[in-house]
Amino acid sequence: TEGQAVALYIPVSRATLGDVLGMEDLIAVLDANRTIADLLVFTLSEAEWRDLRLAEKTALAQVVARGATLSMRDARTLRFDFAELSGEGFGSVRIEAARFIAAPGSFADFHAADIVNYLGRFGLDLVAVGIVSETEIIALL
């Protein structure tokens, strides 16, 4: 990474977001380390994101307000309000590569080649995970 910043992906759960004392500690750590907060990416599964309650969304917003970003993992669809995701502090959406290659139409209603550009309009990156072969890389390009 010679001179390049490295992002640290940190899974976060609804249980963590709902733990008032734990969140106070996390916010204190973020406040004390603002210089690296933008290198921290908290990941949340699509299922957990959909089930967030108001208090959990508020806790997540406090994390984002301190400079961290969010990444949705295990996305089963790309039928989101991307302006909403971006506004909540998401910087990326992570999908399973093999599933996307096998059935891109199950993710979105528009052509697979247009998806990355569409997400980019909202400042979001599409990240394919679980790539196991060179042919998958070629198929994703």
C-alpha atoms as a PDB file:
ATOM      1  CA  THR A   1       0.000   0.000   0.000  1.00  0.00           C
ATOM      2  CA  GLU A   2       3.074   2.216  -0.133  1.00  0.00           C
ATOM      3  CA  GLY A   3       1.825   5.647   0.905  1.00  0.00           C
ATOM      4  CA  GLN A   4      -1.824   4.754   0.383  1.00  0.00           C
ATOM      5  CA  ALA A   5      -4.342   4.837   3.198  1.00  0.00           C
ATOM      6  CA  VAL A   6      -5.824   1.502   4.215  1.00  0.00           C
ATOM      7  CA  ALA A   7      -9.471   1.214   5.171  1.00  0.00           C
ATOM      8  CA  LEU A   8     -10.411  -0.986   8.095  1.00  0.00           C
ATOM      9  CA  TYR A   9     -13.738  -2.795   7.659  1.00  0.00           C
ATOM     10  CA  ILE A  10     -15.481  -3.410  10.971  1.00  0.00           C
ATOM     11  CA  PRO A  11     -18.676  -5.458  11.226  1.00  0.00           C
ATOM     12  CA  VAL A  12     -21.357  -3.839  13.357  1.00  0.00           C
ATOM     13  CA  SER A  13     -24.605  -5.436  14.469  1.00  0.00           C
ATOM     14  CA  ARG A  14     -27.956  -4.226  15.706  1.00  0.00           C
ATOM     15  CA  ALA A  15     -26.999  -5.567  19.130  1.00  0.00           C
ATOM     16  CA  THR A  16     -24.002  -3.230  19.208  1.00  0.00           C
ATOM     17  CA  LEU A  17     -26.016  -0.278  17.943  1.00  0.00           C
ATOM     18  CA  GLY A  18     -28.661  -0.936  20.591  1.00  0.00           C
ATOM     19  CA  ASP A  19     -26.163  -1.147  23.464  1.00  0.00           C
ATOM     20  CA  VAL A  20     -26.199   2.381  24.923  1.00  0.00           C
ATOM     21  CA  LEU A  21     -23.032   1.975  27.002  1.00  0.00           C
ATOM     22  CA  GLY A  22     -21.184   0.217  24.182  1.00  0.00           C
ATOM     23  CA  MET A  23     -22.120   2.979  21.759  1.00  0.00           C
ATOM     24  CA  GLU A  24     -20.973   5.645  24.222  1.00  0.00           C
ATOM     25  CA  ASP A  25     -17.600   3.892  24.368  1.00  0.00           C
ATOM     26  CA  LEU A  26     -17.421   3.611  20.575  1.00  0.00           C
ATOM     27  CA  ILE A  27     -18.290   7.292  20.117  1.00  0.00           C
ATOM     28  CA  ALA A  28     -15.636   8.237  22.679  1.00  0.00           C
ATOM     29  CA  VAL A  29     -13.036   6.189  20.773  1.00  0.00           C
ATOM     30  CA  LEU A  30     -14.053   7.816  17.487  1.00  0.00           C
ATOM     31  CA  ASP A  31     -13.917  11.291  19.069  1.00  0.00           C
ATOM     32  CA  ALA A  32     -10.433  10.582  20.409  1.00  0.00           C
ATOM     33  CA  ASN A  33      -9.216   9.317  17.016  1.00  0.00           C
ATOM     34  CA  ARG A  34     -10.789  11.703  14.511  1.00  0.00           C
ATOM     35  CA  THR A  35      -7.668  11.678  12.348  1.00  0.00           C
ATOM     36  CA  ILE A  36      -8.273   8.043  11.383  1.00  0.00           C
ATOM     37  CA  ALA A  37     -12.076   7.974  11.527  1.00  0.00           C
ATOM     38  CA  ASP A  38     -12.362   8.317   7.752  1.00  0.00           C
ATOM     39  CA  LEU A  39     -10.373   5.094   7.396  1.00  0.00           C
ATOM     40  CA  LEU A  40     -12.962   3.151   9.396  1.00  0.00           C
ATOM     41  CA  VAL A  41     -15.771   1.482   7.460  1.00  0.00           C
ATOM     42  CA  PHE A  42     -18.506  -0.096   9.537  1.00  0.00           C
ATOM     43  CA  THR A  43     -20.284  -2.911   7.724  1.00  0.00           C
ATOM     44  CA  LEU A  44     -23.899  -3.831   8.227  1.00  0.00           C
ATOM     45  CA  SER A  45     -25.821  -6.583   6.471  1.00  0.00           C
ATOM     46  CA  GLU A  46     -28.764  -5.665   4.268  1.00  0.00           C
ATOM     47  CA  ALA A  47     -31.090  -7.661   6.516  1.00  0.00           C
ATOM     48  CA  GLU A  48     -29.923  -5.833   9.626  1.00  0.00           C
ATOM     49  CA  TRP A  49     -30.120  -2.460   7.879  1.00  0.00           C
ATOM     50  CA  ARG A  50     -33.718  -3.123   6.849  1.00  0.00           C
ATOM     51  CA  ASP A  51     -34.640  -4.017  10.448  1.00  0.00           C
ATOM     52  CA  LEU A  52     -32.973  -1.020  12.140  1.00  0.00           C
ATOM     53  CA  ARG A  53     -35.095   0.772  14.706  1.00  0.00           C
ATOM     54  CA  LEU A  54     -34.957   4.522  15.217  1.00  0.00           C
ATOM     55  CA  ALA A  55     -32.528   4.317  18.173  1.00  0.00           C
ATOM     56  CA  GLU A  56     -30.188   2.073  16.149  1.00  0.00           C
ATOM     57  CA  LYS A  57     -30.333   4.436  13.152  1.00  0.00           C
ATOM     58  CA  THR A  58     -29.520   7.315  15.480  1.00  0.00           C
ATOM     59  CA  ALA A  59     -26.516   5.422  16.859  1.00  0.00           C
ATOM     60  CA  LEU A  60     -25.314   4.697  13.329  1.00  0.00           C
ATOM     61  CA  ALA A  61     -25.717   8.372  12.410  1.00  0.00           C
ATOM     62  CA  GLN A  62     -23.499   9.304  15.375  1.00  0.00           C
ATOM     63  CA  VAL A  63     -20.760   7.030  14.031  1.00  0.00           C
ATOM     64  CA  VAL A  64     -21.035   8.597  10.574  1.00  0.00           C
ATOM     65  CA  ALA A  65     -21.065  12.116  12.050  1.00  0.00           C
ATOM     66  CA  ARG A  66     -17.606  11.408  13.445  1.00  0.00           C
ATOM     67  CA  GLY A  67     -16.160  10.654  10.029  1.00  0.00           C
ATOM     68  CA  ALA A  68     -16.571   6.904   9.619  1.00  0.00           C
ATOM     69  CA  THR A  69     -18.369   5.478   6.603  1.00  0.00           C
ATOM     70  CA  LEU A  70     -20.696   2.530   6.160  1.00  0.00           C
ATOM     71  CA  SER A  71     -20.736  -0.429   3.811  1.00  0.00           C
ATOM     72  CA  MET A  72     -23.711  -2.684   3.258  1.00  0.00           C
ATOM     73  CA  ARG A  73     -22.648  -6.314   3.126  1.00  0.00           C
ATOM     74  CA  ASP A  74     -24.602  -9.347   1.938  1.00  0.00           C
ATOM     75  CA  ALA A  75     -26.846  -7.264  -0.330  1.00  0.00           C
ATOM     76  CA  ARG A  76     -29.452  -9.518  -1.911  1.00  0.00           C
ATOM     77  CA  THR A  77     -30.770  -6.785  -4.209  1.00  0.00           C
ATOM     78  CA  LEU A  78     -29.780  -3.411  -5.595  1.00  0.00           C
ATOM     79  CA  ARG A  79     -33.322  -2.084  -5.489  1.00  0.00           C
ATOM     80  CA  PHE A  80     -32.570   0.619  -2.947  1.00  0.00           C
ATOM     81  CA  ASP A  81     -33.098   4.325  -2.665  1.00  0.00           C
ATOM     82  CA  PHE A  82     -29.424   5.092  -3.279  1.00  0.00           C
ATOM     83  CA  ALA A  83     -29.847   8.734  -2.289  1.00  0.00           C
ATOM     84  CA  GLU A  84     -31.081   7.468   1.090  1.00  0.00           C
ATOM     85  CA  LEU A  85     -28.134   5.079   1.472  1.00  0.00           C
ATOM     86  CA  SER A  86     -25.680   7.822   0.574  1.00  0.00           C
ATOM     87  CA  GLY A  87     -27.394  10.222   2.966  1.00  0.00           C
ATOM     88  CA  GLU A  88     -27.073   7.680   5.768  1.00  0.00           C
ATOM     89  CA  GLY A  89     -23.314   7.517   5.216  1.00  0.00           C
ATOM     90  CA  PHE A  90     -22.959   4.419   3.065  1.00  0.00           C
ATOM     91  CA  GLY A  91     -20.009   4.439   0.704  1.00  0.00           C
ATOM     92  CA  SER A  92     -20.398   0.984  -0.779  1.00  0.00           C
ATOM     93  CA  VAL A  93     -22.716  -1.954  -1.304  1.00  0.00           C
ATOM     94  CA  ARG A  94     -21.192  -5.444  -1.293  1.00  0.00           C
ATOM     95  CA  ILE A  95     -22.698  -8.272  -3.337  1.00  0.00           C
ATOM     96  CA  GLU A  96     -21.799 -11.928  -3.823  1.00  0.00           C
ATOM     97  CA  ALA A  97     -19.958 -12.149  -7.165  1.00  0.00           C
ATOM     98  CA  ALA A  98     -21.154 -15.617  -8.223  1.00  0.00           C
ATOM     99  CA  ARG A  99     -24.798 -14.794  -7.556  1.00  0.00           C
ATOM    100  CA  PHE A 100     -24.548 -11.521  -9.476  1.00  0.00           C
ATOM    101  CA  ILE A 101     -22.883 -13.211 -12.454  1.00  0.00           C
ATOM    102  CA  ALA A 102     -25.482 -16.003 -12.488  1.00  0.00           C
ATOM    103  CA  ALA A 103     -28.544 -13.750 -12.179  1.00  0.00           C
ATOM    104  CA  PRO A 104     -27.854 -10.028 -12.524  1.00  0.00           C
ATOM    105  CA  GLY A 105     -31.557  -9.395 -13.117  1.00  0.00           C
ATOM    106  CA  SER A 106     -32.318 -10.565  -9.593  1.00  0.00           C
ATOM    107  CA  PHE A 107     -30.385  -7.552  -8.299  1.00  0.00           C
ATOM    108  CA  ALA A 108     -31.725  -4.698 -10.417  1.00  0.00           C
ATOM    109  CA  ASP A 109     -34.243  -3.813 -13.082  1.00  0.00           C
ATOM    110  CA  PHE A 110     -31.693  -2.293 -15.443  1.00  0.00           C
ATOM    111  CA  HIS A 111     -28.755  -3.696 -17.384  1.00  0.00           C
ATOM    112  CA  ALA A 112     -25.839  -5.015 -15.317  1.00  0.00           C
ATOM    113  CA  ALA A 113     -23.369  -2.819 -17.225  1.00  0.00           C
ATOM    114  CA  ASP A 114     -25.205   0.307 -16.009  1.00  0.00           C
ATOM    115  CA  ILE A 115     -25.308  -0.551 -12.316  1.00  0.00           C
ATOM    116  CA  VAL A 116     -21.856   0.732 -11.310  1.00  0.00           C
ATOM    117  CA  ASN A 117     -22.367   4.080 -13.036  1.00  0.00           C
ATOM    118  CA  TYR A 118     -25.806   4.448 -11.478  1.00  0.00           C
ATOM    119  CA  LEU A 119     -24.473   3.828  -7.962  1.00  0.00           C
ATOM    120  CA  GLY A 120     -21.612   6.227  -8.699  1.00  0.00           C
ATOM    121  CA  ARG A 121     -24.117   9.039  -9.196  1.00  0.00           C
ATOM    122  CA  PHE A 122     -24.826   8.752  -5.490  1.00  0.00           C
ATOM    123  CA  GLY A 123     -21.202   8.399  -4.411  1.00  0.00           C
ATOM    124  CA  LEU A 124     -21.540   4.663  -3.841  1.00  0.00           C
ATOM    125  CA  ASP A 125     -19.185   1.893  -4.921  1.00  0.00           C
ATOM    126  CA  LEU A 126     -20.352  -1.583  -5.868  1.00  0.00           C
ATOM    127  CA  VAL A 127     -18.028  -4.214  -4.408  1.00  0.00           C
ATOM    128  CA  ALA A 128     -18.152  -7.828  -5.560  1.00  0.00           C
ATOM    129  CA  VAL A 129     -16.987 -10.297  -2.908  1.00  0.00           C
ATOM    130  CA  GLY A 130     -16.260 -14.004  -2.933  1.00  0.00           C
ATOM    131  CA  ILE A 131     -14.458 -13.990  -6.268  1.00  0.00           C
ATOM    132  CA  VAL A 132     -12.766 -17.367  -6.665  1.00  0.00           C
ATOM    133  CA  SER A 133     -11.664 -17.508 -10.284  1.00  0.00           C
ATOM    134  CA  GLU A 134     -10.244 -15.407 -13.084  1.00  0.00           C
ATOM    135  CA  THR A 135     -13.340 -16.057 -15.176  1.00  0.00           C
ATOM    136  CA  GLU A 136     -15.440 -14.340 -12.517  1.00  0.00           C
ATOM    137  CA  ILE A 137     -13.192 -11.300 -12.705  1.00  0.00           C
ATOM    138  CA  ILE A 138     -13.607 -11.166 -16.468  1.00  0.00           C
ATOM    139  CA  ALA A 139     -17.377 -11.623 -16.208  1.00  0.00           C
ATOM    140  CA  LEU A 140     -17.615  -8.754 -13.724  1.00  0.00           C
ATOM    141  CA  LEU A 141     -15.589  -6.416 -15.906  1.00  0.00           C
END
